[in-house]
Every structure is written in structure tokens, then in C-alpha cells.
């Protein structure tokens, strides 16, 4: 990496709350570009006081946002000597262990993004692992994709797309269109897409990589994709569009067809 980066991590290792450190993000997922920052995951037993984090980060940065927690516990800052941004995310050890247990081992699905935290855990490269806890947790993911989890994700999210008797995403979008409520249309299309991709990745027995460059990631890694996959997404996301419901109908039909392959 960089001597400044190594020095920064060595300072973080001194906090007794830190159990492990890993680097991840778009770089490890193969989706990084010139706009990407460096994601650092700090796995903690207990919270590190904000003032202690700030005192450390100020040694390396003249521009920082520490303790804001707008997107979860974390700090964002520009590392002057490295000329790049670091995003440090603090992940509770007990919480991430429960995610592995509930999703991977008990097969509980979610409304989209079911396995994205497992992707983060599995693809993060350990830089520090006190006592081997992180390695042991990652090892629990080194098993074949659970068939029951695959079935549960597909069943739950297919219902949400259109089949649910009340308040499916399709129905919500239909009502929003009739009200000419563009904000609600965009909000519900985003939810539709979250479940749509959850189905696709589960059907291909792949962990969900997050929310960036999903079309490209799916095309590069999925053996089975719905017909007109990219074309339908491009049309759906071009709003306002008088054919929105027709596109949604076609996407639901095609993704169901892809499950039978």
C-alpha cells in the first residue's frame, strides 16, 4: 500500500477495542474507478471514542468528517500524503457475526441486498486479525451457497416485485404514476431494482456486491440473466416514461423465466 497507510493502520491497532482490520470496497470487487476511495473496515468489540479517533485522524488529514455517522458508524477523510480519501467503517463484531448466522446459516432473506454484508466480509482482505477471529468468521462462508437461502431470497423478492396481493412494488409504482408523483415513482423503482438484483444474484448463487455498477457486475459474473436484461433496465431508469408499467411487466416475466433455466 503506502508507508503512510501502514503507519495509520498501526496506530489503529493500538486501540484495545479493535479486533481486526480489513481493506475492501470497489477495489477488491473489481469495480473501482478514478472516483473510488479506499474502504477500511475496523471490526470492534466496543466503540472507540470519537475524540480519540479525531486526534488520530488529524495527524494525517486536513479535511475530515469524524463521528458524523450519516451512513453508519464511520469516519471519512482525505489523507494528505497519500492524496486520496479513506472511508473507515466501524463494524461491531457481534453484529457481523449475527449476520453470518442469520443469513448464511439460518437462511433469512431481506427485501433486497440480502447478502451484501456477506460479500463485504468475504471479499475484504485482512490486514490485522487479533486472535484469528476474522479468519474464523470468513471461513464460515467458505461453503456452497445454501439452497434454502437461494430459495428464500427468490420467494420473498419475487412476491415483492408484483405477486404480493397488496402493496407490491409494481402496485406502488402504478399508484404513484397515477398521482403524477415523480418522487414516489423513483423511490419505488429503486426498491423494485433492489429486489430484482437480489433475485438475480441468488439465482446465480452469488453474493450481492452492493449498489455500484450492478449491471456490469451481473453481466461479468452471472451465468443466467433475464432476457433483455440491460435494455429493460436502461428503459426503466429513463424517467418519465409512459411505458414504465409495460417495462416492469416484461422484467417480472423475464426474471421468472430465467429461474427455470
Protein backbone atom coordinates (compact mmCIF):
# COMPACT_ATOMS: atom_id res chain seq x y z
CA UNK A 1 0.00 0.00 0.00
CA UNK A 2 1.90 3.02 1.33
CA UNK A 3 4.09 3.77 4.35
CA UNK A 4 1.64 6.45 5.49
CA UNK A 5 -1.21 3.98 5.22
CA UNK A 6 0.75 1.35 7.14
CA UNK A 7 1.58 3.85 9.85
CA UNK A 8 -2.06 4.90 10.10
CA UNK A 9 -3.20 1.27 10.49
CA UNK A 10 -0.52 0.56 13.08
CA UNK A 11 -1.91 3.42 15.15
CA UNK A 12 -5.40 1.99 14.89
CA UNK A 13 -4.17 -1.40 16.06
CA UNK A 14 -3.25 0.19 19.37
CA UNK A 15 -6.90 0.76 20.28
CA UNK A 16 -7.88 -2.12 22.61
CA UNK A 17 -11.38 -2.14 21.09
CA UNK A 18 -10.04 -3.19 17.66
CA UNK A 19 -10.39 -6.90 16.92
CA UNK A 20 -9.48 -6.91 13.23
CA UNK A 21 -8.90 -4.66 10.20
CA UNK A 22 -9.61 -5.36 6.54
CA UNK A 23 -9.50 -3.43 3.29
CA UNK A 24 -12.34 -3.82 0.86
CA UNK A 25 -14.68 -1.79 -1.29
CA UNK A 26 -14.76 -1.48 -5.05
CA UNK A 27 -11.05 -2.25 -5.38
CA UNK A 28 -11.48 -5.82 -4.18
CA UNK A 29 -14.79 -6.20 -6.05
CA UNK A 30 -13.17 -5.24 -9.35
CA UNK A 31 -15.47 -2.22 -9.80
CA UNK A 32 -13.13 0.59 -8.81
CA UNK A 33 -12.52 3.64 -10.98
CA UNK A 34 -10.85 7.05 -10.70
CA UNK A 35 -13.63 8.20 -8.35
CA UNK A 36 -13.19 5.34 -5.89
CA UNK A 37 -11.86 5.84 -2.39
CA UNK A 38 -10.23 3.29 -0.09
CA UNK A 39 -12.59 1.44 2.24
CA UNK A 40 -11.16 0.27 5.55
CA UNK A 41 -13.24 -1.96 7.83
CA UNK A 42 -12.41 -1.79 11.53
CA UNK A 43 -14.03 -4.65 13.43
CA UNK A 44 -14.55 -3.62 17.03
CA UNK A 45 -15.51 -5.17 20.34
CA UNK A 46 -16.69 -1.82 21.72
CA UNK A 47 -16.97 1.72 20.38
CA UNK A 48 -13.80 3.79 20.01
CA UNK A 49 -14.49 7.28 21.44
CA UNK A 50 -14.90 9.93 18.73
CA UNK A 51 -12.34 12.27 20.29
CA UNK A 52 -9.69 9.53 20.17
CA UNK A 53 -10.46 8.82 16.52
CA UNK A 54 -10.32 12.54 15.74
CA UNK A 55 -6.95 13.01 17.43
CA UNK A 56 -5.51 10.19 15.32
CA UNK A 57 -7.06 11.25 12.01
CA UNK A 58 -5.97 14.90 12.40
CA UNK A 59 -2.36 13.72 12.25
CA UNK A 60 -2.89 12.62 8.66
CA UNK A 61 -5.65 14.82 7.32
CA UNK A 62 -6.55 18.49 6.89
CA UNK A 63 -10.04 17.67 5.63
CA UNK A 64 -12.15 15.21 7.58
CA UNK A 65 -15.61 14.26 8.79
CA UNK A 66 -15.28 12.32 12.02
CA UNK A 67 -18.16 10.97 14.08
CA UNK A 68 -20.90 12.08 11.70
CA UNK A 69 -22.25 8.54 11.23
CA UNK A 70 -24.54 9.60 8.37
CA UNK A 71 -24.20 6.19 6.74
CA UNK A 72 -23.46 4.14 9.83
CA UNK A 73 -20.52 4.28 12.26
CA UNK A 74 -17.57 5.62 10.31
CA UNK A 75 -15.15 8.42 9.50
CA UNK A 76 -14.33 9.95 6.12
CA UNK A 77 -11.19 11.95 5.48
CA UNK A 78 -8.59 12.97 2.93
CA UNK A 79 -5.11 11.60 3.61
CA UNK A 80 -2.83 14.47 2.60
CA UNK A 81 0.35 12.49 1.93
CA UNK A 82 -1.50 9.76 0.02
CA UNK A 83 -3.61 12.24 -1.97
CA UNK A 84 -6.70 10.07 -1.62
CA UNK A 85 -9.79 9.60 0.53
CA UNK A 86 -10.18 6.94 3.18
CA UNK A 87 -13.54 5.74 4.39
CA UNK A 88 -13.18 3.99 7.72
CA UNK A 89 -16.19 1.93 8.76
CA UNK A 90 -16.54 0.52 12.26
CA UNK A 91 -18.26 -2.86 12.27
CA UNK A 92 -19.47 -4.33 15.53
CA UNK A 93 -18.02 -7.81 15.99
CA UNK A 94 -21.19 -9.25 17.48
CA UNK A 95 -23.38 -7.71 14.78
CA UNK A 96 -21.44 -9.05 11.78
CA UNK A 97 -21.28 -12.48 13.45
CA UNK A 98 -25.09 -12.41 13.75
CA UNK A 99 -25.36 -11.53 10.04
CA UNK A 100 -23.37 -14.63 9.12
CA UNK A 101 -25.51 -16.73 11.42
CA UNK A 102 -28.90 -15.34 10.38
CA UNK A 103 -28.35 -15.07 6.64
CA UNK A 104 -25.81 -17.73 5.70
CA UNK A 105 -26.63 -20.35 8.32
CA UNK A 106 -30.32 -19.75 9.16
CA UNK A 107 -31.21 -18.56 5.62
CA UNK A 108 -33.19 -15.43 6.47
CA UNK A 109 -33.88 -13.27 3.37
CA UNK A 110 -34.30 -9.49 3.21
CA UNK A 111 -36.03 -7.01 0.91
CA UNK A 112 -33.09 -6.66 -1.46
CA UNK A 113 -29.36 -6.66 -0.67
CA UNK A 114 -29.72 -9.85 1.40
CA UNK A 115 -26.11 -10.98 1.13
CA UNK A 116 -24.26 -7.69 0.57
CA UNK A 117 -22.65 -7.61 4.04
CA UNK A 118 -21.52 -11.19 3.50
CA UNK A 119 -19.89 -10.06 0.24
CA UNK A 120 -18.09 -7.30 2.15
CA UNK A 121 -16.89 -9.78 4.75
CA UNK A 122 -15.83 -12.48 2.31
CA UNK A 123 -14.02 -10.17 -0.11
CA UNK A 124 -12.35 -7.93 2.44
CA UNK A 125 -8.60 -8.55 2.64
CA UNK A 126 -7.49 -8.91 6.28
CA UNK A 127 -4.69 -6.57 7.33
CA UNK A 128 -4.83 -7.32 11.06
CA UNK A 129 -6.56 -10.15 12.87
CA UNK A 130 -6.02 -10.30 16.60
CA UNK A 131 -6.52 -13.90 17.69
CA UNK A 132 -7.74 -15.08 14.29
CA UNK A 133 -11.39 -14.11 14.89
CA UNK A 134 -11.88 -12.57 11.42
CA UNK A 135 -10.33 -15.54 9.61
CA UNK A 136 -12.56 -17.94 11.52
CA UNK A 137 -15.66 -15.90 10.63
CA UNK A 138 -14.69 -15.72 6.96
CA UNK A 139 -14.16 -19.50 6.98
CA UNK A 140 -17.84 -19.95 7.86
CA UNK A 141 -18.66 -18.51 4.43
CA UNK A 142 -16.43 -20.98 2.61
CA UNK A 143 -19.27 -23.39 1.97
CA UNK A 144 -21.52 -23.84 -1.08
CA UNK A 145 -24.26 -21.26 -1.47
CA UNK A 146 -27.12 -22.59 0.71
CA UNK A 147 -30.02 -23.87 -1.40
CA UNK A 148 -32.55 -22.81 1.23
CA UNK A 149 -31.17 -19.28 1.28
CA UNK A 150 -31.38 -19.12 -2.51
CA UNK A 151 -35.00 -20.28 -2.44
CA UNK A 152 -35.95 -17.89 0.39
CA UNK A 153 -34.42 -14.84 -1.30
CA UNK A 154 -36.15 -15.61 -4.58
CA UNK A 155 -39.51 -16.38 -2.99
CA UNK A 156 -39.58 -13.23 -0.86
CA UNK A 157 -38.37 -10.82 -3.51
CA UNK A 158 -40.45 -12.23 -6.36
CA UNK A 159 -43.53 -11.57 -4.25
CA UNK A 160 -42.39 -8.01 -3.64
CA UNK A 161 -41.92 -7.29 -7.35
CA UNK A 162 -45.55 -7.87 -8.34
CA UNK A 163 -47.14 -11.02 -6.91
CA UNK A 164 -47.80 -9.71 -3.40
CA UNK A 165 -51.61 -9.21 -3.08
CA UNK A 166 -51.22 -5.74 -1.57
CA UNK A 167 -48.52 -3.06 -1.86
CA UNK A 168 -46.18 -4.85 -4.26
CA UNK A 169 -43.61 -2.54 -5.79
CA UNK A 170 -45.48 -2.75 -9.09
CA UNK A 171 -48.72 -1.64 -7.44
CA UNK A 172 -46.97 1.17 -5.58
CA UNK A 173 -45.37 2.42 -8.80
CA UNK A 174 -48.69 2.17 -10.61
CA UNK A 175 -50.37 4.34 -7.96
CA UNK A 176 -47.51 6.83 -7.93
CA UNK A 177 -47.75 7.19 -11.71
CA UNK A 178 -51.50 7.80 -11.49
CA UNK A 179 -50.82 10.54 -8.92
CA UNK A 180 -48.07 12.02 -11.09
CA UNK A 181 -45.77 11.68 -8.06
CA UNK A 182 -42.30 11.54 -9.65
CA UNK A 183 -40.51 11.31 -6.29
CA UNK A 184 -42.52 8.26 -5.25
CA UNK A 185 -42.03 6.65 -8.68
CA UNK A 186 -38.25 6.95 -8.36
CA UNK A 187 -38.30 5.73 -4.76
CA UNK A 188 -40.31 2.61 -5.57
CA UNK A 189 -38.37 1.86 -8.75
CA UNK A 190 -35.22 1.83 -6.61
CA UNK A 191 -36.87 -0.68 -4.27
CA UNK A 192 -38.01 -2.77 -7.25
CA UNK A 193 -34.46 -2.83 -8.59
CA UNK A 194 -33.07 -3.86 -5.20
CA UNK A 195 -35.29 -6.94 -5.12
CA UNK A 196 -34.75 -7.61 -8.83
CA UNK A 197 -30.98 -7.81 -8.40
CA UNK A 198 -31.34 -9.82 -5.19
CA UNK A 199 -33.23 -12.44 -7.20
CA UNK A 200 -30.65 -12.47 -9.99
CA UNK A 201 -27.64 -12.86 -7.70
CA UNK A 202 -29.35 -15.54 -5.59
CA UNK A 203 -30.39 -17.45 -8.72
CA UNK A 204 -26.75 -17.44 -9.79
CA UNK A 205 -25.66 -18.36 -6.25
CA UNK A 206 -23.56 -15.22 -5.94
CA UNK A 207 -23.20 -12.86 -3.01
CA UNK A 208 -24.68 -9.43 -3.66
CA UNK A 209 -21.80 -6.95 -4.33
CA UNK A 210 -23.60 -3.80 -3.11
CA UNK A 211 -25.08 -0.93 -5.08
CA UNK A 212 -22.43 0.20 -7.58
CA UNK A 213 -22.09 -0.93 -11.21
CA UNK A 214 -24.56 -3.77 -10.74
CA UNK A 215 -25.38 -4.15 -14.43
CA UNK A 216 -21.73 -4.59 -15.34
CA UNK A 217 -21.08 -6.90 -12.38
CA UNK A 218 -24.07 -9.06 -13.29
CA UNK A 219 -23.01 -9.27 -16.95
CA UNK A 220 -19.46 -10.20 -15.94
CA UNK A 221 -20.33 -12.79 -13.29
CA UNK A 222 -23.84 -14.21 -13.80
CA UNK A 223 -24.27 -17.32 -15.94
CA UNK A 224 -28.04 -16.74 -16.12
CA UNK A 225 -29.63 -13.34 -16.76
CA UNK A 226 -33.19 -12.41 -17.77
CA UNK A 227 -33.77 -11.72 -21.45
CA UNK A 228 -33.42 -8.05 -22.38
CA UNK A 229 -31.69 -7.53 -19.03
CA UNK A 230 -29.67 -4.41 -19.81
CA UNK A 231 -32.16 -2.99 -22.30
CA UNK A 232 -35.08 -3.14 -19.86
CA UNK A 233 -33.08 -1.55 -17.04
CA UNK A 234 -31.97 1.33 -19.25
CA UNK A 235 -35.55 1.95 -20.36
CA UNK A 236 -36.96 1.70 -16.83
CA UNK A 237 -34.45 4.17 -15.41
CA UNK A 238 -35.22 6.72 -18.12
CA UNK A 239 -37.99 8.66 -16.42
CA UNK A 240 -40.60 9.95 -17.03
CA UNK A 241 -41.53 7.09 -19.31
CA UNK A 242 -45.11 6.33 -20.47
CA UNK A 243 -44.18 2.65 -20.86
CA UNK A 244 -42.97 2.16 -17.27
CA UNK A 245 -45.62 -0.42 -16.35
CA UNK A 246 -45.07 -2.37 -19.57
CA UNK A 247 -41.34 -2.46 -18.87
CA UNK A 248 -41.95 -3.64 -15.30
CA UNK A 249 -44.30 -6.35 -16.57
CA UNK A 250 -41.68 -7.56 -19.00
CA UNK A 251 -38.95 -7.55 -16.37
CA UNK A 252 -41.08 -9.64 -14.00
CA UNK A 253 -41.95 -12.14 -16.74
CA UNK A 254 -38.35 -12.43 -17.91
CA UNK A 255 -36.81 -12.80 -14.47
CA UNK A 256 -39.31 -15.56 -13.63
CA UNK A 257 -38.43 -17.29 -16.89
CA UNK A 258 -34.73 -17.09 -16.02
CA UNK A 259 -35.37 -19.01 -12.79
CA UNK A 260 -36.45 -22.06 -14.74
CA UNK A 261 -33.19 -22.40 -16.66
